[in-house]
Amino acid sequence: TNDIARTAGVNIATLYQYFPKKEA
């Protein structure tokens, strides 16, 4: 999830607002 957030240029906390884990 850190890789995804970094590549997308979004904060990891923002990613976790919508997705509990990468499988989601």
PDBML (XML) file of the C-alpha atoms, coordinates in Angstrom:
<?xml version="1.0" encoding="UTF-8" ?>
<PDBx:datablock datablockName="MODEL"
   xmlns:PDBx="http://pdbml.pdb.org/schema/pdbx-v50.xsd"
   xmlns:xsi="http://www.w3.org/2001/XMLSchema-instance"
   xsi:schemaLocation="http://pdbml.pdb.org/schema/pdbx-v50.xsd pdbx-v50.xsd">
   <PDBx:atom_siteCategory>
      <PDBx:atom_site id="1">
         <PDBx:B_iso_or_equiv>0.00</PDBx:B_iso_or_equiv>
         <PDBx:Cartn_x>0.000</PDBx:Cartn_x>
         <PDBx:Cartn_y>0.000</PDBx:Cartn_y>
         <PDBx:Cartn_z>0.000</PDBx:Cartn_z>
         <PDBx:auth_asym_id>A</PDBx:auth_asym_id>
         <PDBx:auth_atom_id>CA</PDBx:auth_atom_id>
         <PDBx:auth_comp_id>THR</PDBx:auth_comp_id>
         <PDBx:auth_seq_id>1</PDBx:auth_seq_id>
         <PDBx:group_PDB>ATOM</PDBx:group_PDB>
         <PDBx:label_alt_id xsi:nil="true" />
         <PDBx:label_asym_id>A</PDBx:label_asym_id>
         <PDBx:label_atom_id>CA</PDBx:label_atom_id>
         <PDBx:label_comp_id>THR</PDBx:label_comp_id>
         <PDBx:label_entity_id>1</PDBx:label_entity_id>
         <PDBx:label_seq_id>1</PDBx:label_seq_id>
         <PDBx:occupancy>1.00</PDBx:occupancy>
         <PDBx:pdbx_PDB_model_num>1</PDBx:pdbx_PDB_model_num>
         <PDBx:type_symbol>C</PDBx:type_symbol>
      </PDBx:atom_site>
      <PDBx:atom_site id="2">
         <PDBx:B_iso_or_equiv>0.00</PDBx:B_iso_or_equiv>
         <PDBx:Cartn_x>2.936</PDBx:Cartn_x>
         <PDBx:Cartn_y>2.332</PDBx:Cartn_y>
         <PDBx:Cartn_z>0.621</PDBx:Cartn_z>
         <PDBx:auth_asym_id>A</PDBx:auth_asym_id>
         <PDBx:auth_atom_id>CA</PDBx:auth_atom_id>
         <PDBx:auth_comp_id>ASN</PDBx:auth_comp_id>
         <PDBx:auth_seq_id>2</PDBx:auth_seq_id>
         <PDBx:group_PDB>ATOM</PDBx:group_PDB>
         <PDBx:label_alt_id xsi:nil="true" />
         <PDBx:label_asym_id>A</PDBx:label_asym_id>
         <PDBx:label_atom_id>CA</PDBx:label_atom_id>
         <PDBx:label_comp_id>ASN</PDBx:label_comp_id>
         <PDBx:label_entity_id>1</PDBx:label_entity_id>
         <PDBx:label_seq_id>2</PDBx:label_seq_id>
         <PDBx:occupancy>1.00</PDBx:occupancy>
         <PDBx:pdbx_PDB_model_num>1</PDBx:pdbx_PDB_model_num>
         <PDBx:type_symbol>C</PDBx:type_symbol>
      </PDBx:atom_site>
      <PDBx:atom_site id="3">
         <PDBx:B_iso_or_equiv>0.00</PDBx:B_iso_or_equiv>
         <PDBx:Cartn_x>4.189</PDBx:Cartn_x>
         <PDBx:Cartn_y>1.686</PDBx:Cartn_y>
         <PDBx:Cartn_z>-2.921</PDBx:Cartn_z>
         <PDBx:auth_asym_id>A</PDBx:auth_asym_id>
         <PDBx:auth_atom_id>CA</PDBx:auth_atom_id>
         <PDBx:auth_comp_id>ASP</PDBx:auth_comp_id>
         <PDBx:auth_seq_id>3</PDBx:auth_seq_id>
         <PDBx:group_PDB>ATOM</PDBx:group_PDB>
         <PDBx:label_alt_id xsi:nil="true" />
         <PDBx:label_asym_id>A</PDBx:label_asym_id>
         <PDBx:label_atom_id>CA</PDBx:label_atom_id>
         <PDBx:label_comp_id>ASP</PDBx:label_comp_id>
         <PDBx:label_entity_id>1</PDBx:label_entity_id>
         <PDBx:label_seq_id>3</PDBx:label_seq_id>
         <PDBx:occupancy>1.00</PDBx:occupancy>
         <PDBx:pdbx_PDB_model_num>1</PDBx:pdbx_PDB_model_num>
         <PDBx:type_symbol>C</PDBx:type_symbol>
      </PDBx:atom_site>
      <PDBx:atom_site id="4">
         <PDBx:B_iso_or_equiv>0.00</PDBx:B_iso_or_equiv>
         <PDBx:Cartn_x>0.739</PDBx:Cartn_x>
         <PDBx:Cartn_y>2.414</PDBx:Cartn_y>
         <PDBx:Cartn_z>-4.327</PDBx:Cartn_z>
         <PDBx:auth_asym_id>A</PDBx:auth_asym_id>
         <PDBx:auth_atom_id>CA</PDBx:auth_atom_id>
         <PDBx:auth_comp_id>ILE</PDBx:auth_comp_id>
         <PDBx:auth_seq_id>4</PDBx:auth_seq_id>
         <PDBx:group_PDB>ATOM</PDBx:group_PDB>
         <PDBx:label_alt_id xsi:nil="true" />
         <PDBx:label_asym_id>A</PDBx:label_asym_id>
         <PDBx:label_atom_id>CA</PDBx:label_atom_id>
         <PDBx:label_comp_id>ILE</PDBx:label_comp_id>
         <PDBx:label_entity_id>1</PDBx:label_entity_id>
         <PDBx:label_seq_id>4</PDBx:label_seq_id>
         <PDBx:occupancy>1.00</PDBx:occupancy>
         <PDBx:pdbx_PDB_model_num>1</PDBx:pdbx_PDB_model_num>
         <PDBx:type_symbol>C</PDBx:type_symbol>
      </PDBx:atom_site>
      <PDBx:atom_site id="5">
         <PDBx:B_iso_or_equiv>0.00</PDBx:B_iso_or_equiv>
         <PDBx:Cartn_x>0.327</PDBx:Cartn_x>
         <PDBx:Cartn_y>5.618</PDBx:Cartn_y>
         <PDBx:Cartn_z>-2.311</PDBx:Cartn_z>
         <PDBx:auth_asym_id>A</PDBx:auth_asym_id>
         <PDBx:auth_atom_id>CA</PDBx:auth_atom_id>
         <PDBx:auth_comp_id>ALA</PDBx:auth_comp_id>
         <PDBx:auth_seq_id>5</PDBx:auth_seq_id>
         <PDBx:group_PDB>ATOM</PDBx:group_PDB>
         <PDBx:label_alt_id xsi:nil="true" />
         <PDBx:label_asym_id>A</PDBx:label_asym_id>
         <PDBx:label_atom_id>CA</PDBx:label_atom_id>
         <PDBx:label_comp_id>ALA</PDBx:label_comp_id>
         <PDBx:label_entity_id>1</PDBx:label_entity_id>
         <PDBx:label_seq_id>5</PDBx:label_seq_id>
         <PDBx:occupancy>1.00</PDBx:occupancy>
         <PDBx:pdbx_PDB_model_num>1</PDBx:pdbx_PDB_model_num>
         <PDBx:type_symbol>C</PDBx:type_symbol>
      </PDBx:atom_site>
      <PDBx:atom_site id="6">
         <PDBx:B_iso_or_equiv>0.00</PDBx:B_iso_or_equiv>
         <PDBx:Cartn_x>3.805</PDBx:Cartn_x>
         <PDBx:Cartn_y>6.842</PDBx:Cartn_y>
         <PDBx:Cartn_z>-3.245</PDBx:Cartn_z>
         <PDBx:auth_asym_id>A</PDBx:auth_asym_id>
         <PDBx:auth_atom_id>CA</PDBx:auth_atom_id>
         <PDBx:auth_comp_id>ARG</PDBx:auth_comp_id>
         <PDBx:auth_seq_id>6</PDBx:auth_seq_id>
         <PDBx:group_PDB>ATOM</PDBx:group_PDB>
         <PDBx:label_alt_id xsi:nil="true" />
         <PDBx:label_asym_id>A</PDBx:label_asym_id>
         <PDBx:label_atom_id>CA</PDBx:label_atom_id>
         <PDBx:label_comp_id>ARG</PDBx:label_comp_id>
         <PDBx:label_entity_id>1</PDBx:label_entity_id>
         <PDBx:label_seq_id>6</PDBx:label_seq_id>
         <PDBx:occupancy>1.00</PDBx:occupancy>
         <PDBx:pdbx_PDB_model_num>1</PDBx:pdbx_PDB_model_num>
         <PDBx:type_symbol>C</PDBx:type_symbol>
      </PDBx:atom_site>
      <PDBx:atom_site id="7">
         <PDBx:B_iso_or_equiv>0.00</PDBx:B_iso_or_equiv>
         <PDBx:Cartn_x>3.342</PDBx:Cartn_x>
         <PDBx:Cartn_y>6.102</PDBx:Cartn_y>
         <PDBx:Cartn_z>-6.964</PDBx:Cartn_z>
         <PDBx:auth_asym_id>A</PDBx:auth_asym_id>
         <PDBx:auth_atom_id>CA</PDBx:auth_atom_id>
         <PDBx:auth_comp_id>THR</PDBx:auth_comp_id>
         <PDBx:auth_seq_id>7</PDBx:auth_seq_id>
         <PDBx:group_PDB>ATOM</PDBx:group_PDB>
         <PDBx:label_alt_id xsi:nil="true" />
         <PDBx:label_asym_id>A</PDBx:label_asym_id>
         <PDBx:label_atom_id>CA</PDBx:label_atom_id>
         <PDBx:label_comp_id>THR</PDBx:label_comp_id>
         <PDBx:label_entity_id>1</PDBx:label_entity_id>
         <PDBx:label_seq_id>7</PDBx:label_seq_id>
         <PDBx:occupancy>1.00</PDBx:occupancy>
         <PDBx:pdbx_PDB_model_num>1</PDBx:pdbx_PDB_model_num>
         <PDBx:type_symbol>C</PDBx:type_symbol>
      </PDBx:atom_site>
      <PDBx:atom_site id="8">
         <PDBx:B_iso_or_equiv>0.00</PDBx:B_iso_or_equiv>
         <PDBx:Cartn_x>-0.109</PDBx:Cartn_x>
         <PDBx:Cartn_y>7.708</PDBx:Cartn_y>
         <PDBx:Cartn_z>-6.990</PDBx:Cartn_z>
         <PDBx:auth_asym_id>A</PDBx:auth_asym_id>
         <PDBx:auth_atom_id>CA</PDBx:auth_atom_id>
         <PDBx:auth_comp_id>ALA</PDBx:auth_comp_id>
         <PDBx:auth_seq_id>8</PDBx:auth_seq_id>
         <PDBx:group_PDB>ATOM</PDBx:group_PDB>
         <PDBx:label_alt_id xsi:nil="true" />
         <PDBx:label_asym_id>A</PDBx:label_asym_id>
         <PDBx:label_atom_id>CA</PDBx:label_atom_id>
         <PDBx:label_comp_id>ALA</PDBx:label_comp_id>
         <PDBx:label_entity_id>1</PDBx:label_entity_id>
         <PDBx:label_seq_id>8</PDBx:label_seq_id>
         <PDBx:occupancy>1.00</PDBx:occupancy>
         <PDBx:pdbx_PDB_model_num>1</PDBx:pdbx_PDB_model_num>
         <PDBx:type_symbol>C</PDBx:type_symbol>
      </PDBx:atom_site>
      <PDBx:atom_site id="9">
         <PDBx:B_iso_or_equiv>0.00</PDBx:B_iso_or_equiv>
         <PDBx:Cartn_x>1.184</PDBx:Cartn_x>
         <PDBx:Cartn_y>10.726</PDBx:Cartn_y>
         <PDBx:Cartn_z>-5.080</PDBx:Cartn_z>
         <PDBx:auth_asym_id>A</PDBx:auth_asym_id>
         <PDBx:auth_atom_id>CA</PDBx:auth_atom_id>
         <PDBx:auth_comp_id>GLY</PDBx:auth_comp_id>
         <PDBx:auth_seq_id>9</PDBx:auth_seq_id>
         <PDBx:group_PDB>ATOM</PDBx:group_PDB>
         <PDBx:label_alt_id xsi:nil="true" />
         <PDBx:label_asym_id>A</PDBx:label_asym_id>
         <PDBx:label_atom_id>CA</PDBx:label_atom_id>
         <PDBx:label_comp_id>GLY</PDBx:label_comp_id>
         <PDBx:label_entity_id>1</PDBx:label_entity_id>
         <PDBx:label_seq_id>9</PDBx:label_seq_id>
         <PDBx:occupancy>1.00</PDBx:occupancy>
         <PDBx:pdbx_PDB_model_num>1</PDBx:pdbx_PDB_model_num>
         <PDBx:type_symbol>C</PDBx:type_symbol>
      </PDBx:atom_site>
      <PDBx:atom_site id="10">
         <PDBx:B_iso_or_equiv>0.00</PDBx:B_iso_or_equiv>
         <PDBx:Cartn_x>-1.391</PDBx:Cartn_x>
         <PDBx:Cartn_y>10.434</PDBx:Cartn_y>
         <PDBx:Cartn_z>-2.296</PDBx:Cartn_z>
         <PDBx:auth_asym_id>A</PDBx:auth_asym_id>
         <PDBx:auth_atom_id>CA</PDBx:auth_atom_id>
         <PDBx:auth_comp_id>VAL</PDBx:auth_comp_id>
         <PDBx:auth_seq_id>10</PDBx:auth_seq_id>
         <PDBx:group_PDB>ATOM</PDBx:group_PDB>
         <PDBx:label_alt_id xsi:nil="true" />
         <PDBx:label_asym_id>A</PDBx:label_asym_id>
         <PDBx:label_atom_id>CA</PDBx:label_atom_id>
         <PDBx:label_comp_id>VAL</PDBx:label_comp_id>
         <PDBx:label_entity_id>1</PDBx:label_entity_id>
         <PDBx:label_seq_id>10</PDBx:label_seq_id>
         <PDBx:occupancy>1.00</PDBx:occupancy>
         <PDBx:pdbx_PDB_model_num>1</PDBx:pdbx_PDB_model_num>
         <PDBx:type_symbol>C</PDBx:type_symbol>
      </PDBx:atom_site>
      <PDBx:atom_site id="11">
         <PDBx:B_iso_or_equiv>0.00</PDBx:B_iso_or_equiv>
         <PDBx:Cartn_x>-0.947</PDBx:Cartn_x>
         <PDBx:Cartn_y>10.260</PDBx:Cartn_y>
         <PDBx:Cartn_z>1.449</PDBx:Cartn_z>
         <PDBx:auth_asym_id>A</PDBx:auth_asym_id>
         <PDBx:auth_atom_id>CA</PDBx:auth_atom_id>
         <PDBx:auth_comp_id>ASN</PDBx:auth_comp_id>
         <PDBx:auth_seq_id>11</PDBx:auth_seq_id>
         <PDBx:group_PDB>ATOM</PDBx:group_PDB>
         <PDBx:label_alt_id xsi:nil="true" />
         <PDBx:label_asym_id>A</PDBx:label_asym_id>
         <PDBx:label_atom_id>CA</PDBx:label_atom_id>
         <PDBx:label_comp_id>ASN</PDBx:label_comp_id>
         <PDBx:label_entity_id>1</PDBx:label_entity_id>
         <PDBx:label_seq_id>11</PDBx:label_seq_id>
         <PDBx:occupancy>1.00</PDBx:occupancy>
         <PDBx:pdbx_PDB_model_num>1</PDBx:pdbx_PDB_model_num>
         <PDBx:type_symbol>C</PDBx:type_symbol>
      </PDBx:atom_site>
      <PDBx:atom_site id="12">
         <PDBx:B_iso_or_equiv>0.00</PDBx:B_iso_or_equiv>
         <PDBx:Cartn_x>-1.079</PDBx:Cartn_x>
         <PDBx:Cartn_y>6.726</PDBx:Cartn_y>
         <PDBx:Cartn_z>2.860</PDBx:Cartn_z>
         <PDBx:auth_asym_id>A</PDBx:auth_asym_id>
         <PDBx:auth_atom_id>CA</PDBx:auth_atom_id>
         <PDBx:auth_comp_id>ILE</PDBx:auth_comp_id>
         <PDBx:auth_seq_id>12</PDBx:auth_seq_id>
         <PDBx:group_PDB>ATOM</PDBx:group_PDB>
         <PDBx:label_alt_id xsi:nil="true" />
         <PDBx:label_asym_id>A</PDBx:label_asym_id>
         <PDBx:label_atom_id>CA</PDBx:label_atom_id>
         <PDBx:label_comp_id>ILE</PDBx:label_comp_id>
         <PDBx:label_entity_id>1</PDBx:label_entity_id>
         <PDBx:label_seq_id>12</PDBx:label_seq_id>
         <PDBx:occupancy>1.00</PDBx:occupancy>
         <PDBx:pdbx_PDB_model_num>1</PDBx:pdbx_PDB_model_num>
         <PDBx:type_symbol>C</PDBx:type_symbol>
      </PDBx:atom_site>
      <PDBx:atom_site id="13">
         <PDBx:B_iso_or_equiv>0.00</PDBx:B_iso_or_equiv>
         <PDBx:Cartn_x>-3.718</PDBx:Cartn_x>
         <PDBx:Cartn_y>7.895</PDBx:Cartn_y>
         <PDBx:Cartn_z>5.358</PDBx:Cartn_z>
         <PDBx:auth_asym_id>A</PDBx:auth_asym_id>
         <PDBx:auth_atom_id>CA</PDBx:auth_atom_id>
         <PDBx:auth_comp_id>ALA</PDBx:auth_comp_id>
         <PDBx:auth_seq_id>13</PDBx:auth_seq_id>
         <PDBx:group_PDB>ATOM</PDBx:group_PDB>
         <PDBx:label_alt_id xsi:nil="true" />
         <PDBx:label_asym_id>A</PDBx:label_asym_id>
         <PDBx:label_atom_id>CA</PDBx:label_atom_id>
         <PDBx:label_comp_id>ALA</PDBx:label_comp_id>
         <PDBx:label_entity_id>1</PDBx:label_entity_id>
         <PDBx:label_seq_id>13</PDBx:label_seq_id>
         <PDBx:occupancy>1.00</PDBx:occupancy>
         <PDBx:pdbx_PDB_model_num>1</PDBx:pdbx_PDB_model_num>
         <PDBx:type_symbol>C</PDBx:type_symbol>
      </PDBx:atom_site>
      <PDBx:atom_site id="14">
         <PDBx:B_iso_or_equiv>0.00</PDBx:B_iso_or_equiv>
         <PDBx:Cartn_x>-5.876</PDBx:Cartn_x>
         <PDBx:Cartn_y>8.989</PDBx:Cartn_y>
         <PDBx:Cartn_z>2.414</PDBx:Cartn_z>
         <PDBx:auth_asym_id>A</PDBx:auth_asym_id>
         <PDBx:auth_atom_id>CA</PDBx:auth_atom_id>
         <PDBx:auth_comp_id>THR</PDBx:auth_comp_id>
         <PDBx:auth_seq_id>14</PDBx:auth_seq_id>
         <PDBx:group_PDB>ATOM</PDBx:group_PDB>
         <PDBx:label_alt_id xsi:nil="true" />
         <PDBx:label_asym_id>A</PDBx:label_asym_id>
         <PDBx:label_atom_id>CA</PDBx:label_atom_id>
         <PDBx:label_comp_id>THR</PDBx:label_comp_id>
         <PDBx:label_entity_id>1</PDBx:label_entity_id>
         <PDBx:label_seq_id>14</PDBx:label_seq_id>
         <PDBx:occupancy>1.00</PDBx:occupancy>
         <PDBx:pdbx_PDB_model_num>1</PDBx:pdbx_PDB_model_num>
         <PDBx:type_symbol>C</PDBx:type_symbol>
      </PDBx:atom_site>
      <PDBx:atom_site id="15">
         <PDBx:B_iso_or_equiv>0.00</PDBx:B_iso_or_equiv>
         <PDBx:Cartn_x>-5.538</PDBx:Cartn_x>
         <PDBx:Cartn_y>5.562</PDBx:Cartn_y>
         <PDBx:Cartn_z>0.809</PDBx:Cartn_z>
         <PDBx:auth_asym_id>A</PDBx:auth_asym_id>
         <PDBx:auth_atom_id>CA</PDBx:auth_atom_id>
         <PDBx:auth_comp_id>LEU</PDBx:auth_comp_id>
         <PDBx:auth_seq_id>15</PDBx:auth_seq_id>
         <PDBx:group_PDB>ATOM</PDBx:group_PDB>
         <PDBx:label_alt_id xsi:nil="true" />
         <PDBx:label_asym_id>A</PDBx:label_asym_id>
         <PDBx:label_atom_id>CA</PDBx:label_atom_id>
         <PDBx:label_comp_id>LEU</PDBx:label_comp_id>
         <PDBx:label_entity_id>1</PDBx:label_entity_id>
         <PDBx:label_seq_id>15</PDBx:label_seq_id>
         <PDBx:occupancy>1.00</PDBx:occupancy>
         <PDBx:pdbx_PDB_model_num>1</PDBx:pdbx_PDB_model_num>
         <PDBx:type_symbol>C</PDBx:type_symbol>
      </PDBx:atom_site>
      <PDBx:atom_site id="16">
         <PDBx:B_iso_or_equiv>0.00</PDBx:B_iso_or_equiv>
         <PDBx:Cartn_x>-6.575</PDBx:Cartn_x>
         <PDBx:Cartn_y>3.858</PDBx:Cartn_y>
         <PDBx:Cartn_z>4.067</PDBx:Cartn_z>
         <PDBx:auth_asym_id>A</PDBx:auth_asym_id>
         <PDBx:auth_atom_id>CA</PDBx:auth_atom_id>
         <PDBx:auth_comp_id>TYR</PDBx:auth_comp_id>
         <PDBx:auth_seq_id>16</PDBx:auth_seq_id>
         <PDBx:group_PDB>ATOM</PDBx:group_PDB>
         <PDBx:label_alt_id xsi:nil="true" />
         <PDBx:label_asym_id>A</PDBx:label_asym_id>
         <PDBx:label_atom_id>CA</PDBx:label_atom_id>
         <PDBx:label_comp_id>TYR</PDBx:label_comp_id>
         <PDBx:label_entity_id>1</PDBx:label_entity_id>
         <PDBx:label_seq_id>16</PDBx:label_seq_id>
         <PDBx:occupancy>1.00</PDBx:occupancy>
         <PDBx:pdbx_PDB_model_num>1</PDBx:pdbx_PDB_model_num>
         <PDBx:type_symbol>C</PDBx:type_symbol>
      </PDBx:atom_site>
      <PDBx:atom_site id="17">
         <PDBx:B_iso_or_equiv>0.00</PDBx:B_iso_or_equiv>
         <PDBx:Cartn_x>-9.700</PDBx:Cartn_x>
         <PDBx:Cartn_y>6.016</PDBx:Cartn_y>
         <PDBx:Cartn_z>4.241</PDBx:Cartn_z>
         <PDBx:auth_asym_id>A</PDBx:auth_asym_id>
         <PDBx:auth_atom_id>CA</PDBx:auth_atom_id>
         <PDBx:auth_comp_id>GLN</PDBx:auth_comp_id>
         <PDBx:auth_seq_id>17</PDBx:auth_seq_id>
         <PDBx:group_PDB>ATOM</PDBx:group_PDB>
         <PDBx:label_alt_id xsi:nil="true" />
         <PDBx:label_asym_id>A</PDBx:label_asym_id>
         <PDBx:label_atom_id>CA</PDBx:label_atom_id>
         <PDBx:label_comp_id>GLN</PDBx:label_comp_id>
         <PDBx:label_entity_id>1</PDBx:label_entity_id>
         <PDBx:label_seq_id>17</PDBx:label_seq_id>
         <PDBx:occupancy>1.00</PDBx:occupancy>
         <PDBx:pdbx_PDB_model_num>1</PDBx:pdbx_PDB_model_num>
         <PDBx:type_symbol>C</PDBx:type_symbol>
      </PDBx:atom_site>
      <PDBx:atom_site id="18">
         <PDBx:B_iso_or_equiv>0.00</PDBx:B_iso_or_equiv>
         <PDBx:Cartn_x>-11.035</PDBx:Cartn_x>
         <PDBx:Cartn_y>4.018</PDBx:Cartn_y>
         <PDBx:Cartn_z>1.307</PDBx:Cartn_z>
         <PDBx:auth_asym_id>A</PDBx:auth_asym_id>
         <PDBx:auth_atom_id>CA</PDBx:auth_atom_id>
         <PDBx:auth_comp_id>TYR</PDBx:auth_comp_id>
         <PDBx:auth_seq_id>18</PDBx:auth_seq_id>
         <PDBx:group_PDB>ATOM</PDBx:group_PDB>
         <PDBx:label_alt_id xsi:nil="true" />
         <PDBx:label_asym_id>A</PDBx:label_asym_id>
         <PDBx:label_atom_id>CA</PDBx:label_atom_id>
         <PDBx:label_comp_id>TYR</PDBx:label_comp_id>
         <PDBx:label_entity_id>1</PDBx:label_entity_id>
         <PDBx:label_seq_id>18</PDBx:label_seq_id>
         <PDBx:occupancy>1.00</PDBx:occupancy>
         <PDBx:pdbx_PDB_model_num>1</PDBx:pdbx_PDB_model_num>
         <PDBx:type_symbol>C</PDBx:type_symbol>
      </PDBx:atom_site>
      <PDBx:atom_site id="19">
         <PDBx:B_iso_or_equiv>0.00</PDBx:B_iso_or_equiv>
         <PDBx:Cartn_x>-9.151</PDBx:Cartn_x>
         <PDBx:Cartn_y>0.715</PDBx:Cartn_y>
         <PDBx:Cartn_z>1.274</PDBx:Cartn_z>
         <PDBx:auth_asym_id>A</PDBx:auth_asym_id>
         <PDBx:auth_atom_id>CA</PDBx:auth_atom_id>
         <PDBx:auth_comp_id>PHE</PDBx:auth_comp_id>
         <PDBx:auth_seq_id>19</PDBx:auth_seq_id>
         <PDBx:group_PDB>ATOM</PDBx:group_PDB>
         <PDBx:label_alt_id xsi:nil="true" />
         <PDBx:label_asym_id>A</PDBx:label_asym_id>
         <PDBx:label_atom_id>CA</PDBx:label_atom_id>
         <PDBx:label_comp_id>PHE</PDBx:label_comp_id>
         <PDBx:label_entity_id>1</PDBx:label_entity_id>
         <PDBx:label_seq_id>19</PDBx:label_seq_id>
         <PDBx:occupancy>1.00</PDBx:occupancy>
         <PDBx:pdbx_PDB_model_num>1</PDBx:pdbx_PDB_model_num>
         <PDBx:type_symbol>C</PDBx:type_symbol>
      </PDBx:atom_site>
      <PDBx:atom_site id="20">
         <PDBx:B_iso_or_equiv>0.00</PDBx:B_iso_or_equiv>
         <PDBx:Cartn_x>-8.289</PDBx:Cartn_x>
         <PDBx:Cartn_y>-1.357</PDBx:Cartn_y>
         <PDBx:Cartn_z>4.395</PDBx:Cartn_z>
         <PDBx:auth_asym_id>A</PDBx:auth_asym_id>
         <PDBx:auth_atom_id>CA</PDBx:auth_atom_id>
         <PDBx:auth_comp_id>PRO</PDBx:auth_comp_id>
         <PDBx:auth_seq_id>20</PDBx:auth_seq_id>
         <PDBx:group_PDB>ATOM</PDBx:group_PDB>
         <PDBx:label_alt_id xsi:nil="true" />
         <PDBx:label_asym_id>A</PDBx:label_asym_id>
         <PDBx:label_atom_id>CA</PDBx:label_atom_id>
         <PDBx:label_comp_id>PRO</PDBx:label_comp_id>
         <PDBx:label_entity_id>1</PDBx:label_entity_id>
         <PDBx:label_seq_id>20</PDBx:label_seq_id>
         <PDBx:occupancy>1.00</PDBx:occupancy>
         <PDBx:pdbx_PDB_model_num>1</PDBx:pdbx_PDB_model_num>
         <PDBx:type_symbol>C</PDBx:type_symbol>
      </PDBx:atom_site>
      <PDBx:atom_site id="21">
         <PDBx:B_iso_or_equiv>0.00</PDBx:B_iso_or_equiv>
         <PDBx:Cartn_x>-5.513</PDBx:Cartn_x>
         <PDBx:Cartn_y>-3.220</PDBx:Cartn_y>
         <PDBx:Cartn_z>2.530</PDBx:Cartn_z>
         <PDBx:auth_asym_id>A</PDBx:auth_asym_id>
         <PDBx:auth_atom_id>CA</PDBx:auth_atom_id>
         <PDBx:auth_comp_id>LYS</PDBx:auth_comp_id>
         <PDBx:auth_seq_id>21</PDBx:auth_seq_id>
         <PDBx:group_PDB>ATOM</PDBx:group_PDB>
         <PDBx:label_alt_id xsi:nil="true" />
         <PDBx:label_asym_id>A</PDBx:label_asym_id>
         <PDBx:label_atom_id>CA</PDBx:label_atom_id>
         <PDBx:label_comp_id>LYS</PDBx:label_comp_id>
         <PDBx:label_entity_id>1</PDBx:label_entity_id>
         <PDBx:label_seq_id>21</PDBx:label_seq_id>
         <PDBx:occupancy>1.00</PDBx:occupancy>
         <PDBx:pdbx_PDB_model_num>1</PDBx:pdbx_PDB_model_num>
         <PDBx:type_symbol>C</PDBx:type_symbol>
      </PDBx:atom_site>
      <PDBx:atom_site id="22">
         <PDBx:B_iso_or_equiv>0.00</PDBx:B_iso_or_equiv>
         <PDBx:Cartn_x>-4.105</PDBx:Cartn_x>
         <PDBx:Cartn_y>-3.741</PDBx:Cartn_y>
         <PDBx:Cartn_z>-0.953</PDBx:Cartn_z>
         <PDBx:auth_asym_id>A</PDBx:auth_asym_id>
         <PDBx:auth_atom_id>CA</PDBx:auth_atom_id>
         <PDBx:auth_comp_id>LYS</PDBx:auth_comp_id>
         <PDBx:auth_seq_id>22</PDBx:auth_seq_id>
         <PDBx:group_PDB>ATOM</PDBx:group_PDB>
         <PDBx:label_alt_id xsi:nil="true" />
         <PDBx:label_asym_id>A</PDBx:label_asym_id>
         <PDBx:label_atom_id>CA</PDBx:label_atom_id>
         <PDBx:label_comp_id>LYS</PDBx:label_comp_id>
         <PDBx:label_entity_id>1</PDBx:label_entity_id>
         <PDBx:label_seq_id>22</PDBx:label_seq_id>
         <PDBx:occupancy>1.00</PDBx:occupancy>
         <PDBx:pdbx_PDB_model_num>1</PDBx:pdbx_PDB_model_num>
         <PDBx:type_symbol>C</PDBx:type_symbol>
      </PDBx:atom_site>
      <PDBx:atom_site id="23">
         <PDBx:B_iso_or_equiv>0.00</PDBx:B_iso_or_equiv>
         <PDBx:Cartn_x>-6.389</PDBx:Cartn_x>
         <PDBx:Cartn_y>-6.734</PDBx:Cartn_y>
         <PDBx:Cartn_z>-1.609</PDBx:Cartn_z>
         <PDBx:auth_asym_id>A</PDBx:auth_asym_id>
         <PDBx:auth_atom_id>CA</PDBx:auth_atom_id>
         <PDBx:auth_comp_id>GLU</PDBx:auth_comp_id>
         <PDBx:auth_seq_id>23</PDBx:auth_seq_id>
         <PDBx:group_PDB>ATOM</PDBx:group_PDB>
         <PDBx:label_alt_id xsi:nil="true" />
         <PDBx:label_asym_id>A</PDBx:label_asym_id>
         <PDBx:label_atom_id>CA</PDBx:label_atom_id>
         <PDBx:label_comp_id>GLU</PDBx:label_comp_id>
         <PDBx:label_entity_id>1</PDBx:label_entity_id>
         <PDBx:label_seq_id>23</PDBx:label_seq_id>
         <PDBx:occupancy>1.00</PDBx:occupancy>
         <PDBx:pdbx_PDB_model_num>1</PDBx:pdbx_PDB_model_num>
         <PDBx:type_symbol>C</PDBx:type_symbol>
      </PDBx:atom_site>
      <PDBx:atom_site id="24">
         <PDBx:B_iso_or_equiv>0.00</PDBx:B_iso_or_equiv>
         <PDBx:Cartn_x>-9.345</PDBx:Cartn_x>
         <PDBx:Cartn_y>-4.374</PDBx:Cartn_y>
         <PDBx:Cartn_z>-1.241</PDBx:Cartn_z>
         <PDBx:auth_asym_id>A</PDBx:auth_asym_id>
         <PDBx:auth_atom_id>CA</PDBx:auth_atom_id>
         <PDBx:auth_comp_id>ALA</PDBx:auth_comp_id>
         <PDBx:auth_seq_id>24</PDBx:auth_seq_id>
         <PDBx:group_PDB>ATOM</PDBx:group_PDB>
         <PDBx:label_alt_id xsi:nil="true" />
         <PDBx:label_asym_id>A</PDBx:label_asym_id>
         <PDBx:label_atom_id>CA</PDBx:label_atom_id>
         <PDBx:label_comp_id>ALA</PDBx:label_comp_id>
         <PDBx:label_entity_id>1</PDBx:label_entity_id>
         <PDBx:label_seq_id>24</PDBx:label_seq_id>
         <PDBx:occupancy>1.00</PDBx:occupancy>
         <PDBx:pdbx_PDB_model_num>1</PDBx:pdbx_PDB_model_num>
         <PDBx:type_symbol>C</PDBx:type_symbol>
      </PDBx:atom_site>
   </PDBx:atom_siteCategory>
</PDBx:datablock>
